[in-house]
Amino acid sequence: MNFREVVDYIKLEHTVFDLPFVFTGAVIASLGHFYPLKFILIFIATTSARATGMSINRIEGRKYDISNPRKKDWLLVKDRKNLQSAIILTVLLGSVFEVSSYLLNFFVFALSPIVIFLFFTDPFMKKITPWRHFYMGGTIGVGVLAGYLAITPSFPASPLIYLIFLGSSSWIAGFDMIYVIPDRIYDLKNGLKTVVTQYGTSRGMIISSITHAFTFACFLAAGFYVNSIIYDIILAPILFLIIYQHYIVNPDDPSTIRASFLGANSFIGILYLIGLIFSYFVV
């Protein structure tokens, strides 16, 4: 694999979904202060963990991907020789994650195997339950708590972190229900379970909307603990983007699903982080 292939393989751009919320947890733990070394290590740990998880997903899902027309250009599908390279890459990325976790603090390091376990088990959930979206959402959303623990190695007593965890996890689960729509027929034929294979596309979209309503409710409830006008203001464009991603989706047009997935959703986490950072300066 060359560098460009690795970047595409691990879908580096997808860190936009979890990295802002990991930093959100860190910002809350640090009370708005900036610790350069800690934040650099958090960035490395988050990026390597996400890349490890994506690689595990690619390797474990290859047996299905090779017969899925939408995935015919994926690296492990078009060139089986890269499988060994992918396994080596996964081990290296996982090692970077473990080392950076250790350098953050021992508590985070002790909990780090749980993250790897979640990544390993997540792909199998698609064979077990159509609600796997929530398992995947929680797997990524736990980064909020990880960011907090990276700064303060003890579980928080305030509900704030847990509300953001629930909000970010359900946000990811909700847009994943939309993302898998183009694979519905393939998934049905291969016994892979999703909300849209279980309940149909229309009902699946409704379930996704309800899930995202819960997301916004969690963010709204978190506002009582943040207690800042800036935070309240930033929720307005976030709500718009949550609604917009559903509005533009045409289940028969994959391009609208991609626009919803990487378009609207790319800004939600960033906006949330910005709102939270500035909430420490303007009450």
C-alpha atoms as a PDB file:
ATOM      1  CA  MET A   1       0.000   0.000   0.000  1.00  0.00           C
ATOM      2  CA  ASN A   2       1.199   3.504  -0.802  1.00  0.00           C
ATOM      3  CA  PHE A   3       0.327   6.527   1.344  1.00  0.00           C
ATOM      4  CA  ARG A   4      -2.675   7.557  -0.743  1.00  0.00           C
ATOM      5  CA  GLU A   5      -4.081   4.026  -0.615  1.00  0.00           C
ATOM      6  CA  VAL A   6      -3.651   3.896   3.162  1.00  0.00           C
ATOM      7  CA  VAL A   7      -5.477   7.215   3.617  1.00  0.00           C
ATOM      8  CA  ASP A   8      -8.348   5.967   1.468  1.00  0.00           C
ATOM      9  CA  TYR A   9      -8.328   2.525   3.107  1.00  0.00           C
ATOM     10  CA  ILE A  10      -8.700   3.832   6.650  1.00  0.00           C
ATOM     11  CA  LYS A  11     -11.083   6.611   5.487  1.00  0.00           C
ATOM     12  CA  LEU A  12      -9.098   9.281   7.300  1.00  0.00           C
ATOM     13  CA  GLU A  13     -11.782  11.868   6.504  1.00  0.00           C
ATOM     14  CA  HIS A  14     -14.218   9.970   8.756  1.00  0.00           C
ATOM     15  CA  THR A  15     -12.329  11.175  11.840  1.00  0.00           C
ATOM     16  CA  VAL A  16     -14.420  14.331  11.419  1.00  0.00           C
ATOM     17  CA  PHE A  17     -17.248  12.358  13.046  1.00  0.00           C
ATOM     18  CA  ASP A  18     -15.464  11.420  16.257  1.00  0.00           C
ATOM     19  CA  LEU A  19     -12.405  13.649  16.747  1.00  0.00           C
ATOM     20  CA  PRO A  20     -14.410  16.818  17.604  1.00  0.00           C
ATOM     21  CA  PHE A  21     -16.392  14.960  20.263  1.00  0.00           C
ATOM     22  CA  VAL A  22     -13.253  13.407  21.754  1.00  0.00           C
ATOM     23  CA  PHE A  23     -11.822  16.912  22.063  1.00  0.00           C
ATOM     24  CA  THR A  24     -15.154  18.028  23.526  1.00  0.00           C
ATOM     25  CA  GLY A  25     -14.638  15.589  26.396  1.00  0.00           C
ATOM     26  CA  ALA A  26     -11.065  16.828  26.832  1.00  0.00           C
ATOM     27  CA  VAL A  27     -12.133  20.492  26.842  1.00  0.00           C
ATOM     28  CA  ILE A  28     -14.741  19.805  29.534  1.00  0.00           C
ATOM     29  CA  ALA A  29     -12.192  17.962  31.696  1.00  0.00           C
ATOM     30  CA  SER A  30      -9.635  20.761  31.295  1.00  0.00           C
ATOM     31  CA  LEU A  31     -12.252  23.467  32.005  1.00  0.00           C
ATOM     32  CA  GLY A  32     -11.369  25.252  28.804  1.00  0.00           C
ATOM     33  CA  HIS A  33      -7.598  25.256  29.365  1.00  0.00           C
ATOM     34  CA  PHE A  34      -5.236  24.056  26.641  1.00  0.00           C
ATOM     35  CA  TYR A  35      -2.537  21.483  27.356  1.00  0.00           C
ATOM     36  CA  PRO A  36      -0.541  21.141  24.086  1.00  0.00           C
ATOM     37  CA  LEU A  37       1.147  17.783  24.734  1.00  0.00           C
ATOM     38  CA  LYS A  38      -2.034  16.182  26.088  1.00  0.00           C
ATOM     39  CA  PHE A  39      -4.083  17.371  23.152  1.00  0.00           C
ATOM     40  CA  ILE A  40      -1.497  16.164  20.625  1.00  0.00           C
ATOM     41  CA  LEU A  41      -1.506  12.728  22.261  1.00  0.00           C
ATOM     42  CA  ILE A  42      -5.330  12.719  22.233  1.00  0.00           C
ATOM     43  CA  PHE A  43      -5.227  13.492  18.512  1.00  0.00           C
ATOM     44  CA  ILE A  44      -2.773  10.641  17.867  1.00  0.00           C
ATOM     45  CA  ALA A  45      -4.700   8.184  20.050  1.00  0.00           C
ATOM     46  CA  THR A  46      -8.049   9.048  18.459  1.00  0.00           C
ATOM     47  CA  THR A  47      -6.776   8.945  14.881  1.00  0.00           C
ATOM     48  CA  SER A  48      -4.915   5.663  15.356  1.00  0.00           C
ATOM     49  CA  ALA A  49      -7.861   4.084  17.193  1.00  0.00           C
ATOM     50  CA  ARG A  50     -10.294   5.122  14.445  1.00  0.00           C
ATOM     51  CA  ALA A  51      -7.918   3.859  11.756  1.00  0.00           C
ATOM     52  CA  THR A  52      -7.464   0.557  13.618  1.00  0.00           C
ATOM     53  CA  GLY A  53     -11.225   0.140  13.864  1.00  0.00           C
ATOM     54  CA  MET A  54     -11.733   0.921  10.189  1.00  0.00           C
ATOM     55  CA  SER A  55      -9.033  -1.554   9.175  1.00  0.00           C
ATOM     56  CA  ILE A  56     -10.550  -4.281  11.355  1.00  0.00           C
ATOM     57  CA  ASN A  57     -13.925  -3.572   9.764  1.00  0.00           C
ATOM     58  CA  ARG A  58     -12.419  -3.814   6.275  1.00  0.00           C
ATOM     59  CA  ILE A  59     -10.646  -7.111   7.003  1.00  0.00           C
ATOM     60  CA  GLU A  60     -13.601  -8.764   8.735  1.00  0.00           C
ATOM     61  CA  GLY A  61     -16.068  -7.512   6.120  1.00  0.00           C
ATOM     62  CA  ARG A  62     -14.012  -8.480   3.073  1.00  0.00           C
ATOM     63  CA  LYS A  63     -15.845 -11.773   2.529  1.00  0.00           C
ATOM     64  CA  TYR A  64     -19.022  -9.753   1.912  1.00  0.00           C
ATOM     65  CA  ASP A  65     -17.427  -6.769   0.192  1.00  0.00           C
ATOM     66  CA  ILE A  66     -15.991  -8.856  -2.660  1.00  0.00           C
ATOM     67  CA  SER A  67     -19.500  -9.578  -3.951  1.00  0.00           C
ATOM     68  CA  ASN A  68     -20.939  -6.108  -3.310  1.00  0.00           C
ATOM     69  CA  PRO A  69     -20.934  -4.044  -6.556  1.00  0.00           C
ATOM     70  CA  ARG A  70     -20.746  -0.748  -4.601  1.00  0.00           C
ATOM     71  CA  LYS A  71     -17.461  -1.834  -3.065  1.00  0.00           C
ATOM     72  CA  LYS A  72     -15.729  -3.257  -6.145  1.00  0.00           C
ATOM     73  CA  ASP A  73     -13.041  -0.550  -6.063  1.00  0.00           C
ATOM     74  CA  TRP A  74     -12.180  -0.990  -2.385  1.00  0.00           C
ATOM     75  CA  LEU A  75      -8.540  -1.875  -1.859  1.00  0.00           C
ATOM     76  CA  LEU A  76      -8.971  -5.324  -0.298  1.00  0.00           C
ATOM     77  CA  VAL A  77     -11.627  -6.229  -2.854  1.00  0.00           C
ATOM     78  CA  LYS A  78      -9.736  -5.424  -6.028  1.00  0.00           C
ATOM     79  CA  ASP A  79      -6.337  -6.684  -4.826  1.00  0.00           C
ATOM     80  CA  ARG A  80      -6.269  -9.618  -2.418  1.00  0.00           C
ATOM     81  CA  LYS A  81      -2.482  -9.272  -2.090  1.00  0.00           C
ATOM     82  CA  ASN A  82      -3.062  -6.249   0.122  1.00  0.00           C
ATOM     83  CA  LEU A  83      -4.733  -8.389   2.797  1.00  0.00           C
ATOM     84  CA  GLN A  84      -1.430  -9.237   4.498  1.00  0.00           C
ATOM     85  CA  SER A  85      -0.392  -5.578   4.345  1.00  0.00           C
ATOM     86  CA  ALA A  86      -3.730  -4.617   5.879  1.00  0.00           C
ATOM     87  CA  ILE A  87      -3.209  -6.980   8.811  1.00  0.00           C
ATOM     88  CA  ILE A  88       0.298  -5.603   9.424  1.00  0.00           C
ATOM     89  CA  LEU A  89      -1.057  -2.047   9.182  1.00  0.00           C
ATOM     90  CA  THR A  90      -3.787  -2.875  11.713  1.00  0.00           C
ATOM     91  CA  VAL A  91      -1.224  -4.169  14.215  1.00  0.00           C
ATOM     92  CA  LEU A  92       0.939  -1.060  13.739  1.00  0.00           C
ATOM     93  CA  LEU A  93      -2.010   1.318  14.144  1.00  0.00           C
ATOM     94  CA  GLY A  94      -3.211  -0.570  17.202  1.00  0.00           C
ATOM     95  CA  SER A  95       0.281  -0.326  18.688  1.00  0.00           C
ATOM     96  CA  VAL A  96       0.345   3.435  18.133  1.00  0.00           C
ATOM     97  CA  PHE A  97      -3.009   3.670  19.887  1.00  0.00           C
ATOM     98  CA  GLU A  98      -1.791   1.649  22.865  1.00  0.00           C
ATOM     99  CA  VAL A  99       1.457   3.611  23.217  1.00  0.00           C
ATOM    100  CA  SER A 100      -0.300   6.984  23.011  1.00  0.00           C
ATOM    101  CA  SER A 101      -2.890   5.767  25.546  1.00  0.00           C
ATOM    102  CA  TYR A 102      -0.095   4.793  27.924  1.00  0.00           C
ATOM    103  CA  LEU A 103       1.556   8.203  27.516  1.00  0.00           C
ATOM    104  CA  LEU A 104      -1.722   9.939  28.357  1.00  0.00           C
ATOM    105  CA  ASN A 105      -2.209   8.159  31.693  1.00  0.00           C
ATOM    106  CA  PHE A 106      -2.363   4.640  33.065  1.00  0.00           C
ATOM    107  CA  PHE A 107      -6.140   4.725  33.592  1.00  0.00           C
ATOM    108  CA  VAL A 108      -6.750   5.347  29.890  1.00  0.00           C
ATOM    109  CA  PHE A 109      -4.186   2.674  29.017  1.00  0.00           C
ATOM    110  CA  ALA A 110      -5.930   0.154  31.309  1.00  0.00           C
ATOM    111  CA  LEU A 111      -9.267   0.843  29.581  1.00  0.00           C
ATOM    112  CA  SER A 112      -7.859   0.864  26.032  1.00  0.00           C
ATOM    113  CA  PRO A 113      -8.441  -2.906  25.404  1.00  0.00           C
ATOM    114  CA  ILE A 114     -12.183  -2.218  25.731  1.00  0.00           C
ATOM    115  CA  VAL A 115     -11.949   0.074  22.702  1.00  0.00           C
ATOM    116  CA  ILE A 116     -10.164  -2.602  20.666  1.00  0.00           C
ATOM    117  CA  PHE A 117     -12.758  -5.167  21.780  1.00  0.00           C
ATOM    118  CA  LEU A 118     -15.600  -2.898  20.610  1.00  0.00           C
ATOM    119  CA  PHE A 119     -13.930  -2.462  17.219  1.00  0.00           C
ATOM    120  CA  PHE A 120     -13.412  -6.206  16.829  1.00  0.00           C
ATOM    121  CA  THR A 121     -16.995  -7.113  17.731  1.00  0.00           C
ATOM    122  CA  ASP A 122     -18.785  -4.307  15.896  1.00  0.00           C
ATOM    123  CA  PRO A 123     -18.682  -5.876  12.378  1.00  0.00           C
ATOM    124  CA  PHE A 124     -20.231  -9.106  13.716  1.00  0.00           C
ATOM    125  CA  MET A 125     -23.281  -7.239  15.019  1.00  0.00           C
ATOM    126  CA  LYS A 126     -24.598  -6.945  11.468  1.00  0.00           C
ATOM    127  CA  LYS A 127     -25.163 -10.701  11.504  1.00  0.00           C
ATOM    128  CA  ILE A 128     -26.914 -10.602  14.870  1.00  0.00           C
ATOM    129  CA  THR A 129     -29.218  -7.589  15.096  1.00  0.00           C
ATOM    130  CA  PRO A 130     -30.664  -4.808  12.912  1.00  0.00           C
ATOM    131  CA  TRP A 131     -29.889  -2.434  15.799  1.00  0.00           C
ATOM    132  CA  ARG A 132     -26.163  -2.746  15.215  1.00  0.00           C
ATOM    133  CA  HIS A 133     -26.203   0.965  14.294  1.00  0.00           C
ATOM    134  CA  PHE A 134     -26.431   1.792  18.003  1.00  0.00           C
ATOM    135  CA  TYR A 135     -23.576  -0.537  18.880  1.00  0.00           C
ATOM    136  CA  MET A 136     -21.408   1.160  16.276  1.00  0.00           C
ATOM    137  CA  GLY A 137     -22.545   4.585  17.454  1.00  0.00           C
ATOM    138  CA  GLY A 138     -21.617   3.726  21.025  1.00  0.00           C
ATOM    139  CA  THR A 139     -18.276   2.307  19.911  1.00  0.00           C
ATOM    140  CA  ILE A 140     -17.357   5.645  18.354  1.00  0.00           C
ATOM    141  CA  GLY A 141     -19.254   7.815  20.836  1.00  0.00           C
ATOM    142  CA  VAL A 142     -17.308   6.411  23.783  1.00  0.00           C
ATOM    143  CA  GLY A 143     -14.544   8.691  22.567  1.00  0.00           C
ATOM    144  CA  VAL A 144     -16.260  11.557  24.415  1.00  0.00           C
ATOM    145  CA  LEU A 145     -15.593   9.802  27.706  1.00  0.00           C
ATOM    146  CA  ALA A 146     -12.104   8.795  26.553  1.00  0.00           C
ATOM    147  CA  GLY A 147     -11.260  12.435  25.850  1.00  0.00           C
ATOM    148  CA  TYR A 148     -12.388  13.379  29.342  1.00  0.00           C
ATOM    149  CA  LEU A 149     -10.419  10.571  30.992  1.00  0.00           C
ATOM    150  CA  ALA A 150      -7.298  11.501  29.031  1.00  0.00           C
ATOM    151  CA  ILE A 151      -7.224  14.768  30.984  1.00  0.00           C
ATOM    152  CA  THR A 152      -8.844  13.688  34.262  1.00  0.00           C
ATOM    153  CA  PRO A 153      -8.376   9.938  34.959  1.00  0.00           C
ATOM    154  CA  SER A 154     -11.583   9.389  36.908  1.00  0.00           C
ATOM    155  CA  PHE A 155     -15.182   9.020  35.796  1.00  0.00           C
ATOM    156  CA  PRO A 156     -17.105  12.314  35.965  1.00  0.00           C
ATOM    157  CA  ALA A 157     -19.959  12.783  38.420  1.00  0.00           C
ATOM    158  CA  SER A 158     -21.742  15.395  36.269  1.00  0.00           C
ATOM    159  CA  PRO A 159     -24.308  14.116  33.726  1.00  0.00           C
ATOM    160  CA  LEU A 160     -22.825  16.447  31.070  1.00  0.00           C
ATOM    161  CA  ILE A 161     -20.311  13.989  29.579  1.00  0.00           C
ATOM    162  CA  TYR A 162     -22.865  11.177  29.557  1.00  0.00           C
ATOM    163  CA  LEU A 163     -25.458  13.356  27.789  1.00  0.00           C
ATOM    164  CA  ILE A 164     -22.914  14.251  25.103  1.00  0.00           C
ATOM    165  CA  PHE A 165     -21.941  10.573  24.821  1.00  0.00           C
ATOM    166  CA  LEU A 166     -25.610   9.621  24.255  1.00  0.00           C
ATOM    167  CA  GLY A 167     -26.084  12.492  21.823  1.00  0.00           C
ATOM    168  CA  SER A 168     -23.015  11.774  19.713  1.00  0.00           C
ATOM    169  CA  SER A 169     -23.634   7.995  19.751  1.00  0.00           C
ATOM    170  CA  SER A 170     -27.245   8.337  18.594  1.00  0.00           C
ATOM    171  CA  TRP A 171     -26.203  10.914  16.005  1.00  0.00           C
ATOM    172  CA  ILE A 172     -23.788   8.400  14.453  1.00  0.00           C
ATOM    173  CA  ALA A 173     -26.346   5.581  14.703  1.00  0.00           C
ATOM    174  CA  GLY A 174     -28.975   7.730  13.006  1.00  0.00           C
ATOM    175  CA  PHE A 175     -26.888   8.698   9.995  1.00  0.00           C
ATOM    176  CA  ASP A 176     -25.548   5.151   9.640  1.00  0.00           C
ATOM    177  CA  MET A 177     -29.154   4.023   9.106  1.00  0.00           C
ATOM    178  CA  ILE A 178     -29.216   6.360   6.094  1.00  0.00           C
ATOM    179  CA  TYR A 179     -25.736   5.413   4.878  1.00  0.00           C
ATOM    180  CA  VAL A 180     -26.624   1.711   4.437  1.00  0.00           C
ATOM    181  CA  ILE A 181     -29.714   2.334   2.296  1.00  0.00           C
ATOM    182  CA  PRO A 182     -27.895   1.660  -1.036  1.00  0.00           C
ATOM    183  CA  ASP A 183     -26.861  -1.783   0.312  1.00  0.00           C
ATOM    184  CA  ARG A 184     -30.382  -2.845   1.323  1.00  0.00           C
ATOM    185  CA  ILE A 185     -30.946  -5.415  -1.461  1.00  0.00           C
ATOM    186  CA  TYR A 186     -27.448  -6.829  -1.102  1.00  0.00           C
ATOM    187  CA  ASP A 187     -27.774  -7.045   2.675  1.00  0.00           C
ATOM    188  CA  LEU A 188     -31.118  -8.843   2.387  1.00  0.00           C
ATOM    189  CA  LYS A 189     -29.625 -11.463   0.069  1.00  0.00           C
ATOM    190  CA  ASN A 190     -26.641 -12.036   2.338  1.00  0.00           C
ATOM    191  CA  GLY A 191     -28.426 -12.105   5.689  1.00  0.00           C
ATOM    192  CA  LEU A 192     -26.908  -8.854   6.933  1.00  0.00           C
ATOM    193  CA  LYS A 193     -29.218  -7.026   9.328  1.00  0.00           C
ATOM    194  CA  THR A 194     -29.877  -3.305   9.358  1.00  0.00           C
ATOM    195  CA  VAL A 195     -32.848  -1.131  10.228  1.00  0.00           C
ATOM    196  CA  VAL A 196     -33.761  -0.753   6.529  1.00  0.00           C
ATOM    197  CA  THR A 197     -33.573  -4.504   5.839  1.00  0.00           C
ATOM    198  CA  GLN A 198     -35.758  -5.192   8.862  1.00  0.00           C
ATOM    199  CA  TYR A 199     -38.335  -2.419   8.494  1.00  0.00           C
ATOM    200  CA  GLY A 200     -37.964  -1.109   4.937  1.00  0.00           C
ATOM    201  CA  THR A 201     -36.487   2.149   3.714  1.00  0.00           C
ATOM    202  CA  SER A 202     -39.407   4.430   4.619  1.00  0.00           C
ATOM    203  CA  ARG A 203     -39.720   3.153   8.179  1.00  0.00           C
ATOM    204  CA  GLY A 204     -35.953   3.064   8.480  1.00  0.00           C
ATOM    205  CA  MET A 205     -35.842   6.769   7.644  1.00  0.00           C
ATOM    206  CA  ILE A 206     -38.485   7.432  10.309  1.00  0.00           C
ATOM    207  CA  ILE A 207     -36.452   5.484  12.885  1.00  0.00           C
ATOM    208  CA  SER A 208     -33.387   7.491  11.868  1.00  0.00           C
ATOM    209  CA  SER A 209     -35.348  10.736  12.339  1.00  0.00           C
ATOM    210  CA  ILE A 210     -36.515   9.651  15.799  1.00  0.00           C
ATOM    211  CA  THR A 211     -32.952   8.715  16.691  1.00  0.00           C
ATOM    212  CA  HIS A 212     -31.746  12.155  15.639  1.00  0.00           C
ATOM    213  CA  ALA A 213     -34.548  13.802  17.603  1.00  0.00           C
ATOM    214  CA  PHE A 214     -33.128  12.007  20.641  1.00  0.00           C
ATOM    215  CA  THR A 215     -29.666  13.300  19.663  1.00  0.00           C
ATOM    216  CA  PHE A 216     -30.821  16.890  19.731  1.00  0.00           C
ATOM    217  CA  ALA A 217     -32.713  16.335  22.987  1.00  0.00           C
ATOM    218  CA  CYS A 218     -29.453  15.151  24.596  1.00  0.00           C
ATOM    219  CA  PHE A 219     -27.549  18.174  23.271  1.00  0.00           C
ATOM    220  CA  LEU A 220     -30.336  20.432  24.498  1.00  0.00           C
ATOM    221  CA  ALA A 221     -30.285  18.847  27.963  1.00  0.00           C
ATOM    222  CA  ALA A 222     -26.499  19.230  28.077  1.00  0.00           C
ATOM    223  CA  GLY A 223     -27.057  22.968  27.685  1.00  0.00           C
ATOM    224  CA  PHE A 224     -28.426  23.161  31.233  1.00  0.00           C
ATOM    225  CA  TYR A 225     -25.010  22.080  32.521  1.00  0.00           C
ATOM    226  CA  VAL A 226     -22.942  24.159  30.078  1.00  0.00           C
ATOM    227  CA  ASN A 227     -25.045  27.230  30.890  1.00  0.00           C
ATOM    228  CA  SER A 228     -23.776  29.509  28.106  1.00  0.00           C
ATOM    229  CA  ILE A 229     -25.590  31.575  25.480  1.00  0.00           C
ATOM    230  CA  ILE A 230     -22.900  30.636  22.936  1.00  0.00           C
ATOM    231  CA  TYR A 231     -23.682  26.953  23.396  1.00  0.00           C
ATOM    232  CA  ASP A 232     -27.404  27.646  22.954  1.00  0.00           C
ATOM    233  CA  ILE A 233     -26.773  29.659  19.780  1.00  0.00           C
ATOM    234  CA  ILE A 234     -24.578  26.962  18.195  1.00  0.00           C
ATOM    235  CA  LEU A 235     -27.391  24.426  18.610  1.00  0.00           C
ATOM    236  CA  ALA A 236     -29.427  26.285  15.964  1.00  0.00           C
ATOM    237  CA  PRO A 237     -27.168  25.440  12.955  1.00  0.00           C
ATOM    238  CA  ILE A 238     -26.676  21.938  14.377  1.00  0.00           C
ATOM    239  CA  LEU A 239     -30.446  21.418  14.394  1.00  0.00           C
ATOM    240  CA  PHE A 240     -30.625  22.764  10.843  1.00  0.00           C
ATOM    241  CA  LEU A 241     -27.958  20.298   9.650  1.00  0.00           C
ATOM    242  CA  ILE A 242     -29.651  17.379  11.407  1.00  0.00           C
ATOM    243  CA  ILE A 243     -32.932  18.194   9.646  1.00  0.00           C
ATOM    244  CA  TYR A 244     -31.248  19.028   6.333  1.00  0.00           C
ATOM    245  CA  GLN A 245     -29.501  15.660   6.063  1.00  0.00           C
ATOM    246  CA  HIS A 246     -32.899  13.965   6.123  1.00  0.00           C
ATOM    247  CA  TYR A 247     -34.497  16.486   3.774  1.00  0.00           C
ATOM    248  CA  ILE A 248     -31.995  15.964   0.938  1.00  0.00           C
ATOM    249  CA  VAL A 249     -32.060  12.159   0.986  1.00  0.00           C
ATOM    250  CA  ASN A 250     -33.587  10.391  -1.998  1.00  0.00           C
ATOM    251  CA  PRO A 251     -33.308   6.631  -1.314  1.00  0.00           C
ATOM    252  CA  ASP A 252     -33.106   5.976  -5.084  1.00  0.00           C
ATOM    253  CA  ASP A 253     -30.208   8.387  -5.585  1.00  0.00           C
ATOM    254  CA  PRO A 254     -26.960   7.298  -3.860  1.00  0.00           C
ATOM    255  CA  SER A 255     -25.394  10.718  -4.451  1.00  0.00           C
ATOM    256  CA  THR A 256     -27.906  12.337  -2.073  1.00  0.00           C
ATOM    257  CA  ILE A 257     -27.040   9.776   0.594  1.00  0.00           C
ATOM    258  CA  ARG A 258     -23.354  10.554   0.251  1.00  0.00           C
ATOM    259  CA  ALA A 259     -24.152  14.276   0.417  1.00  0.00           C
ATOM    260  CA  SER A 260     -26.109  13.649   3.611  1.00  0.00           C
ATOM    261  CA  PHE A 261     -23.395  11.438   5.090  1.00  0.00           C
ATOM    262  CA  LEU A 262     -20.263  13.471   4.336  1.00  0.00           C
ATOM    263  CA  GLY A 263     -21.911  16.829   3.700  1.00  0.00           C
ATOM    264  CA  ALA A 264     -24.219  17.848   6.515  1.00  0.00           C
ATOM    265  CA  ASN A 265     -22.705  15.523   9.099  1.00  0.00           C
ATOM    266  CA  SER A 266     -19.138  16.724   8.523  1.00  0.00           C
ATOM    267  CA  PHE A 267     -19.899  20.022  10.255  1.00  0.00           C
ATOM    268  CA  ILE A 268     -21.995  18.930  13.245  1.00  0.00           C
ATOM    269  CA  GLY A 269     -19.160  17.740  15.479  1.00  0.00           C
ATOM    270  CA  ILE A 270     -16.966  20.713  14.571  1.00  0.00           C
ATOM    271  CA  LEU A 271     -19.748  23.187  15.354  1.00  0.00           C
ATOM    272  CA  TYR A 272     -20.439  21.448  18.651  1.00  0.00           C
ATOM    273  CA  LEU A 273     -16.782  21.630  19.684  1.00  0.00           C
ATOM    274  CA  ILE A 274     -16.530  25.303  18.707  1.00  0.00           C
ATOM    275  CA  GLY A 275     -19.688  26.128  20.654  1.00  0.00           C
ATOM    276  CA  LEU A 276     -18.403  24.335  23.724  1.00  0.00           C
ATOM    277  CA  ILE A 277     -14.955  25.980  23.605  1.00  0.00           C
ATOM    278  CA  PHE A 278     -16.408  29.475  23.336  1.00  0.00           C
ATOM    279  CA  SER A 279     -18.928  28.731  26.072  1.00  0.00           C
ATOM    280  CA  TYR A 280     -16.019  28.939  28.522  1.00  0.00           C
ATOM    281  CA  PHE A 281     -15.415  32.549  27.521  1.00  0.00           C
ATOM    282  CA  VAL A 282     -19.014  33.768  27.170  1.00  0.00           C
ATOM    283  CA  VAL A 283     -21.543  32.579  29.755  1.00  0.00           C
END
